[in-house]
């Protein structure tokens, strides 16, 4: 008989209300469980809802619908014994290391003598004995995160939640702390029964986790749920390790393709019962408007140039290693290149398209022309902006018009990111000029080869139209 999970989410969903009465769904209806004796890693692209799901499972945030259970009983009315380690350290700068670690015990009403003993013991466990009287400003990033670990462990949580705890650290410090965390876990030097870690680092997930869950987005949904069977200690260079990393890369970079897990006996197995999506009976509007990857033109151009120098094709895993970039940083640039038709992603390899090769080999003006053509062919919002500006008598419009369109489909923060990306791409492609002070978009002057039929290029072109902002004092 299967044991009851420590935490179980049944048909949870998270959405945010909009002024028109509809809701934007961030997390789709999902089942999820956290079992004892496992490290669970949650992977996904930036903005896909990883941290939102962590906050729901830990009890920090309430789902819009669905139910949470703690040891099989409804969470409502219970106080789950959990702790969270954050990415940003989140230490109290006016307290010493010892006082920071004591803080959660004090909040729980633990007596002074007992909390001092437990705090000192925990600091010794994470290797911070001797730094009890230091203040956070005196510590390195790695030591600050150790204080964060100690503060979480001192309450002896049954589930330890970690929200990208190593991403703010340099590579060597992060590697060291991962090793120390694994040592504490494997040697049972911590009372924690399960660890749930949100990460964007695929290798980190494969190195640490017994189970890896990959999220899709818009709304968040479980793409793969993998039980990792690699023996510890794990070797990054082993073929089995590399195969699993490569598989996860494919799942994350090709969200519409189903991939078979290589050799289940040697790497892992897909766990089908976990995290299934259910039909949503509620009238929740999901994002159907095209979402632009958050990549700037310079990053796209740099990737295309690199691929061109390497013969037009490169293994994604090797490319990430060579660039010393996490998948989180590389994915938006890859997605943007694919969206624009400059590159393809197939079987874990990135390959230049003929148009991408032409872009990489072109001069500055030709690149602008190619980018303009690709944008107007593939990017919805840029097509809309171009069409409206051409049809308006003054060839200008306020940016609020497009912000309102985006606001119907995205959260407030995402609206700004989408708008910034569209402005970066559109201005580079010379589709429009934009005056951020007045908030006015104006159609850019047409290039000679793009003039309407019957019009000749002016040999003495006039100055580009510029926005005419309202009078200022």
Foldseek 3Di string as FASTA:
>chain_A
DDFQFQKKWAQFWAWAADPVGFTATAAFGWIAGHHFPWEEEEAAAPSQCPVVVLCCRQVNDPTPDTFMAGRRHTCVPPHAQEFEQEQVLPFDQVQFLLCRLLVVVVVVVHDPVVSSVLLQVLCVLLPNPVRRGPGPVVDDPLVSSSSSVSSRQSSLGQEYEYEANQPVDDPVSSVVVLVSVQVCSVVVVGNHGYYYYYHHFLLSCLQGTQWYWYWDHLHTATQFIKGFDADPPDDCPDPLNVQQSLQVLCCRQPVVDRDDRPPCVHTTDTDPPGIDGDDDPDNHDTFPADAQQLDFPVLLLVVLLVCLVVVFKDQQVVVCVVVVHGCNVVRNSLVNCVQLQQWDADSRMIGGDPLSNCLNPDDLVVVLQSLLVSCCVGPVVLVVLLVVLVPDPQSKDAQVVVLVVVVVRDDPVSSVSRVVRSQNSCVSSQQWDADVVQRMTGGWDDDQVPDPPPDHDDPDDDDIDDDDHDDDD
